[in-house]
Protein backbone atom coordinates (compact mmCIF):
# COMPACT_ATOMS: atom_id res chain seq x y z
CA UNK A 1 57.79 19.50 34.04
CA UNK A 2 56.22 16.07 34.63
CA UNK A 3 59.22 14.97 36.65
CA UNK A 4 58.94 18.05 38.82
CA UNK A 5 55.25 17.36 39.43
CA UNK A 6 55.97 13.73 40.40
CA UNK A 7 58.75 14.79 42.72
CA UNK A 8 56.57 17.37 44.43
CA UNK A 9 53.79 14.79 44.81
CA UNK A 10 56.17 12.27 46.40
CA UNK A 11 57.41 14.88 48.85
CA UNK A 12 53.84 15.82 49.73
CA UNK A 13 52.88 12.20 50.29
CA UNK A 14 55.91 11.66 52.45
CA UNK A 15 55.12 14.68 54.59
CA UNK A 16 51.49 13.56 54.89
CA UNK A 17 52.49 10.03 55.90
CA UNK A 18 54.90 11.39 58.44
CA UNK A 19 52.22 13.59 59.92
CA UNK A 20 49.73 10.67 60.04
CA UNK A 21 52.34 8.45 61.71
CA UNK A 22 53.14 11.20 64.19
CA UNK A 23 49.42 11.62 64.88
CA UNK A 24 48.97 7.86 65.39
CA UNK A 25 52.04 7.66 67.59
CA UNK A 26 50.81 10.59 69.63
CA UNK A 27 47.39 8.94 70.09
CA UNK A 28 49.05 5.63 70.99
CA UNK A 29 51.28 7.32 73.55
CA UNK A 30 48.26 9.05 75.05
CA UNK A 31 46.37 5.75 75.42
CA UNK A 32 49.38 4.07 77.03
CA UNK A 33 49.82 6.97 79.44
CA UNK A 34 46.14 6.77 80.44
CA UNK A 35 46.53 3.00 80.90
CA UNK A 36 49.51 3.50 83.21
CA UNK A 37 47.51 5.94 85.32
CA UNK A 38 44.67 3.40 85.62
CA UNK A 39 47.18 0.75 86.75
CA UNK A 40 48.42 3.11 89.48
CA UNK A 41 44.78 3.56 90.50
CA UNK A 42 44.42 -0.25 90.82
CA UNK A 43 42.18 -0.55 87.77
CA UNK A 44 44.00 -3.21 85.73
CA UNK A 45 40.97 -4.23 83.65
CA UNK A 46 40.42 -0.70 82.34
CA UNK A 47 44.16 -0.29 81.81
CA UNK A 48 44.31 -3.47 79.72
CA UNK A 49 41.50 -2.21 77.51
CA UNK A 50 43.46 0.97 76.74
CA UNK A 51 46.69 -0.95 76.05
CA UNK A 52 44.76 -3.18 73.62
CA UNK A 53 43.41 -0.13 71.80
CA UNK A 54 46.91 1.31 71.53
CA UNK A 55 48.20 -2.01 70.22
CA UNK A 56 45.44 -2.13 67.56
CA UNK A 57 46.49 1.34 66.36
CA UNK A 58 50.28 0.77 66.31
CA UNK A 59 51.60 -2.65 67.39
CA UNK A 60 55.06 -2.48 68.94
CA UNK A 61 57.26 -4.24 71.53
CA UNK A 62 56.05 -1.58 73.96
CA UNK A 63 52.35 -2.38 73.48
CA UNK A 64 53.08 -6.12 73.75
CA UNK A 65 55.05 -5.54 76.94
CA UNK A 66 52.41 -3.31 78.55
CA UNK A 67 49.66 -5.85 77.84
CA UNK A 68 51.81 -8.67 79.21
CA UNK A 69 52.61 -6.82 82.43
CA UNK A 70 49.00 -5.98 83.25
CA UNK A 71 47.85 -9.49 82.28
CA UNK A 72 50.36 -10.90 84.75
CA UNK A 73 48.77 -8.83 87.52
CA UNK A 74 45.36 -10.19 86.41
CA UNK A 75 46.72 -13.79 86.53
CA UNK A 76 45.98 -14.33 82.86
CA UNK A 77 49.09 -16.44 82.67
CA UNK A 78 48.84 -17.73 79.12
CA UNK A 79 48.15 -14.38 77.45
CA UNK A 80 50.77 -12.68 79.60
CA UNK A 81 53.38 -15.33 78.70
CA UNK A 82 52.70 -14.88 74.99
CA UNK A 83 52.81 -11.06 75.00
CA UNK A 84 55.90 -10.82 77.21
CA UNK A 85 57.73 -13.37 75.06
CA UNK A 86 56.94 -11.42 71.88
CA UNK A 87 58.08 -8.17 73.49
CA UNK A 88 61.42 -9.68 74.53
CA UNK A 89 62.08 -10.93 70.98
CA UNK A 90 63.03 -7.29 70.15
CA UNK A 91 66.01 -6.86 72.50
CA UNK A 92 67.27 -3.73 70.71
CA UNK A 93 64.06 -1.75 71.14
CA UNK A 94 64.63 1.27 73.39
CA UNK A 95 61.60 0.63 75.58
CA UNK A 96 62.50 -3.07 75.96
CA UNK A 97 66.11 -2.23 76.91
CA UNK A 98 64.84 0.17 79.56
CA UNK A 99 62.27 -2.27 81.04
CA UNK A 100 63.95 -5.65 80.42
CA UNK A 101 64.25 -6.51 84.11
CA UNK A 102 60.52 -6.01 84.71
CA UNK A 103 59.61 -7.96 81.59
CA UNK A 104 61.84 -10.93 82.41
CA UNK A 105 60.62 -11.06 86.00
CA UNK A 106 56.98 -11.06 84.88
CA UNK A 107 57.73 -13.75 82.28
CA UNK A 108 59.32 -15.97 84.94
CA UNK A 109 56.20 -15.53 87.09
CA UNK A 110 53.92 -16.65 84.26
CA UNK A 111 56.01 -19.78 83.71
CA UNK A 112 55.33 -20.81 87.31
CA UNK A 113 51.66 -21.21 86.41
CA UNK A 114 51.81 -22.75 82.93
CA UNK A 115 52.00 -26.27 81.58
CA UNK A 116 51.92 -27.71 78.08
CA UNK A 117 49.31 -29.89 76.43
CA UNK A 118 50.28 -32.04 73.45
CA UNK A 119 47.37 -33.44 71.43
CA UNK A 120 47.62 -36.33 68.98
CA UNK A 121 45.05 -38.29 67.00
CA UNK A 122 43.58 -38.85 63.54
CA UNK A 123 43.88 -36.24 60.85
CA UNK A 124 41.11 -33.70 60.17
CA UNK A 125 39.89 -33.76 63.78
CA UNK A 126 39.16 -30.30 65.21
CA UNK A 127 40.20 -29.89 68.84
CA UNK A 128 38.73 -27.52 71.42
CA UNK A 129 40.07 -26.50 74.84
CA UNK A 130 37.47 -25.05 77.18
CA UNK A 131 35.21 -24.51 74.19
CA UNK A 132 37.79 -22.61 72.09
CA UNK A 133 39.18 -24.13 68.91
CA UNK A 134 42.95 -24.70 69.02
CA UNK A 135 43.31 -26.12 65.51
CA UNK A 136 42.89 -29.26 63.44
CA UNK A 137 45.06 -32.35 63.77
CA UNK A 138 47.81 -33.05 62.99
CA UNK A 139 48.87 -29.37 62.71
CA UNK A 140 48.47 -28.45 66.40
CA UNK A 141 51.65 -27.35 68.22
CA UNK A 142 52.06 -27.77 72.00
CA UNK A 143 49.45 -25.65 73.74
CA UNK A 144 50.44 -23.44 76.70
CA UNK A 145 47.72 -23.60 79.36
CA UNK A 146 47.26 -22.33 82.87
CA UNK A 147 47.49 -24.87 85.68
CA UNK A 148 44.30 -26.66 86.65
CA UNK A 149 41.54 -28.66 84.99
CA UNK A 150 40.72 -27.99 81.35
CA UNK A 151 38.02 -29.50 79.16
CA UNK A 152 39.34 -31.04 75.94
CA UNK A 153 36.85 -31.95 73.20
CA UNK A 154 37.13 -32.96 69.56
CA UNK A 155 34.78 -33.46 66.63
CA UNK A 156 34.91 -35.00 63.16
CA UNK A 157 32.18 -35.80 60.61
CA UNK A 158 30.74 -39.28 61.07
CA UNK A 159 32.15 -39.74 64.59
CA UNK A 160 30.86 -39.28 68.10
CA UNK A 161 32.27 -36.21 69.93
CA UNK A 162 35.29 -36.70 72.19
CA UNK A 163 35.19 -35.20 75.69
CA UNK A 164 37.75 -35.45 78.48
CA UNK A 165 38.92 -33.43 81.48
CA UNK A 166 42.70 -32.97 81.64
CA UNK A 167 44.80 -31.75 84.59
CA UNK A 168 47.47 -29.24 83.55
CA UNK A 169 50.48 -29.11 85.87
CA UNK A 170 53.18 -26.46 86.02
CA UNK A 171 56.22 -27.24 83.92
CA UNK A 172 54.80 -30.58 82.78
CA UNK A 173 54.01 -31.53 79.20
CA UNK A 174 50.75 -33.48 79.30
CA UNK A 175 49.98 -35.68 76.30
CA UNK A 176 46.50 -36.77 75.26
CA UNK A 177 45.48 -39.02 72.35
CA UNK A 178 42.15 -38.30 70.70
CA UNK A 179 40.14 -41.45 69.93
CA UNK A 180 36.84 -41.18 68.11
CA UNK A 181 34.16 -43.84 67.74
CA UNK A 182 32.13 -43.94 64.51
CA UNK A 183 28.43 -43.19 64.70
CA UNK A 184 26.48 -46.45 64.28
CA UNK A 185 24.02 -46.48 61.40
CA UNK A 186 20.51 -46.69 62.77
CA UNK A 187 18.77 -49.84 61.58
CA UNK A 188 15.36 -49.26 60.05
CA UNK A 189 12.55 -50.80 62.07
CA UNK A 190 11.19 -53.89 60.26
CA UNK A 191 7.61 -53.91 59.08
CA UNK A 192 5.57 -55.47 61.87
CA UNK A 193 3.17 -57.40 59.67
CA UNK A 194 1.99 -57.57 56.10
CA UNK A 195 -1.57 -57.03 57.32
CA UNK A 196 -0.71 -53.45 58.30
CA UNK A 197 -2.31 -51.31 55.61
CA UNK A 198 -2.84 -47.55 55.23
CA UNK A 199 -1.20 -46.84 58.58
CA UNK A 200 -3.61 -49.04 60.53
CA UNK A 201 -2.10 -50.88 63.46
CA UNK A 202 -1.97 -54.64 63.08
CA UNK A 203 -4.45 -56.51 65.23
CA UNK A 204 -3.66 -59.84 66.84
CA UNK A 205 -6.45 -62.29 66.22
CA UNK A 206 -7.19 -64.57 69.13
CA UNK A 207 -8.08 -68.17 68.28
CA UNK A 208 -11.80 -68.81 68.36
CA UNK A 209 -12.84 -71.23 71.05
CA UNK A 210 -14.51 -74.50 69.99
CA UNK A 211 -18.23 -73.92 70.24
CA UNK A 212 -20.74 -76.33 71.68
CA UNK A 213 -22.38 -76.32 68.24
CA UNK A 214 -19.45 -78.25 66.81
CA UNK A 215 -19.67 -80.74 69.67
CA UNK A 216 -23.34 -81.75 69.16
CA UNK A 217 -22.90 -81.80 65.40
CA UNK A 218 -20.09 -84.27 65.88
CA UNK A 219 -22.06 -86.63 68.09
CA UNK A 220 -25.34 -86.33 66.17
CA UNK A 221 -23.67 -86.89 62.83
CA UNK A 222 -21.63 -89.83 64.09
CA UNK A 223 -24.70 -91.42 65.72
CA UNK A 224 -26.75 -91.13 62.54
CA UNK A 225 -23.89 -92.56 60.50
CA UNK A 226 -23.48 -95.55 62.87
CA UNK A 227 -27.24 -96.23 62.94
CA UNK A 228 -27.44 -95.90 59.18
CA UNK A 229 -24.52 -98.27 58.77
CA UNK A 230 -26.32 -100.85 60.91
CA UNK A 231 -29.54 -100.45 58.95
CA UNK A 232 -27.70 -100.66 55.64
CA UNK A 233 -25.90 -103.80 56.78
CA UNK A 234 -29.12 -105.56 57.82
CA UNK A 235 -30.84 -104.44 54.62
CA UNK A 236 -28.06 -106.01 52.56
CA UNK A 237 -28.30 -109.21 54.62
CA UNK A 238 -32.09 -109.42 54.11
CA UNK A 239 -31.70 -108.87 50.39
CA UNK A 240 -29.08 -111.63 50.29
CA UNK A 241 -31.25 -114.27 52.07
CA UNK A 242 -34.45 -113.58 50.08
CA UNK A 243 -36.07 -116.83 48.79
CA UNK A 244 -33.71 -119.00 50.81
CA UNK A 245 -35.18 -121.63 53.18
CA UNK A 246 -34.16 -121.96 56.78
CA UNK A 247 -33.06 -125.61 56.55
CA UNK A 248 -29.90 -125.39 54.62
CA UNK A 249 -28.78 -128.96 53.90
CA UNK A 250 -31.41 -130.48 56.22
CA UNK A 251 -34.66 -131.45 54.52
CA UNK A 252 -38.06 -131.81 56.21
CA UNK A 253 -41.66 -130.78 56.21
CA UNK A 254 -40.93 -127.31 57.52
CA UNK A 255 -38.31 -126.61 54.88
CA UNK A 256 -40.93 -125.62 52.37
CA UNK A 257 -41.04 -122.17 53.95
CA UNK A 258 -38.63 -119.64 52.33
CA UNK A 259 -37.56 -116.12 53.36
CA UNK A 260 -39.41 -113.29 51.68
CA UNK A 261 -37.11 -110.40 52.76
CA UNK A 262 -36.16 -108.69 49.54
CA UNK A 263 -38.53 -105.76 49.82
CA UNK A 264 -37.91 -105.08 53.56
CA UNK A 265 -34.20 -105.46 52.87
CA UNK A 266 -34.21 -102.76 50.21
CA UNK A 267 -36.26 -100.50 52.44
CA UNK A 268 -33.91 -101.05 55.38
CA UNK A 269 -30.86 -100.57 53.18
CA UNK A 270 -32.29 -97.37 51.75
CA UNK A 271 -33.08 -96.01 55.19
CA UNK A 272 -29.59 -96.94 56.36
CA UNK A 273 -27.97 -95.24 53.39
CA UNK A 274 -30.12 -92.14 53.97
CA UNK A 275 -29.14 -92.15 57.65
CA UNK A 276 -25.45 -92.34 56.73
CA UNK A 277 -25.83 -89.46 54.29
CA UNK A 278 -27.75 -87.38 56.85
CA UNK A 279 -25.14 -88.10 59.49
CA UNK A 280 -22.39 -86.99 57.15
CA UNK A 281 -24.26 -83.74 56.40
CA UNK A 282 -24.84 -83.04 60.10
CA UNK A 283 -21.24 -83.90 60.95
CA UNK A 284 -19.64 -81.71 58.30
CA UNK A 285 -21.88 -78.70 58.92
CA UNK A 286 -20.30 -78.53 62.36
CA UNK A 287 -16.68 -78.87 61.08
CA UNK A 288 -14.98 -76.45 58.75
CA UNK A 289 -11.62 -78.18 58.71
CA UNK A 290 -10.40 -78.62 55.13
CA UNK A 291 -8.67 -81.82 56.12
CA UNK A 292 -11.86 -83.67 57.14
CA UNK A 293 -12.55 -86.80 55.16
CA UNK A 294 -15.13 -89.57 55.30
CA UNK A 295 -14.89 -92.93 53.52
CA UNK A 296 -17.54 -95.67 53.29
CA UNK A 297 -16.85 -99.22 52.18
CA UNK A 298 -19.67 -101.76 51.60
CA UNK A 299 -19.18 -105.48 51.19
CA UNK A 300 -21.65 -108.35 50.86
CA UNK A 301 -21.59 -109.04 54.56
CA UNK A 302 -19.73 -106.01 56.05
CA UNK A 303 -19.75 -102.24 56.22
CA UNK A 304 -16.58 -100.09 56.76
CA UNK A 305 -16.90 -96.46 57.84
CA UNK A 306 -13.67 -94.40 58.18
CA UNK A 307 -13.32 -90.71 58.98
CA UNK A 308 -10.32 -88.34 59.19
CA UNK A 309 -11.08 -85.12 61.05
């Protein structure tokens, strides 16, 4: 019983499939017939659309051939060459046998407008022709293209895009080598200055001009120091000659008189020392240089004043 049921089911499925195939074939034939009528009415674009629909429903050497023939009339040489070639690869098909002469003539016409492009280059590079991807190197076979200028481009991660116009000539195999240049790593802009804080723009500080205040402090301080040095020197001299007579080794009546200069000498020396100190104060209040230096040397009969500014 089970075997009988299975057998009946298989027969039913076979009949159903046959009916569906017949229905599809009938619809395909109707589309092709409508396409042929549009071709006779000089409407190749509309005819091609119907042939493509028929091919999507039931691909066959006939649908390939019909698309190739109408594409030849539309001068779509590359598509026509492909579809006609595929159709002629089934030489035993009834429709191909009947229309071989037309198919071969159309194929010869397409070849008069087609050249080949051979692309080489590094691996993993995707290649585009007129904006359409044709594959990734190195697995790209020779590309059939219509005669004329074509735009060849290529991309790969980490490299600058490749762009080049290529002239395709009939019957000529044009070769092009893809060369890509690496993208340079952008160098970070160095910090302009350590004084730039919290996003504030660094400010260039112009040197301050020497003020007239420094000039008069210099001269006033130096003058006081020189005058004080003179006073200090004379004060020391007067202190040194106190109680000495004016005769030296010569004796006489007038030699009884002796110098009494100790007190004026100390006064003059004190005033001189004060003048030197005041001059130094005045001088250094007008100079802020850390390298300024003042040295004072005093001897019994000399005074040395040295300054580094």
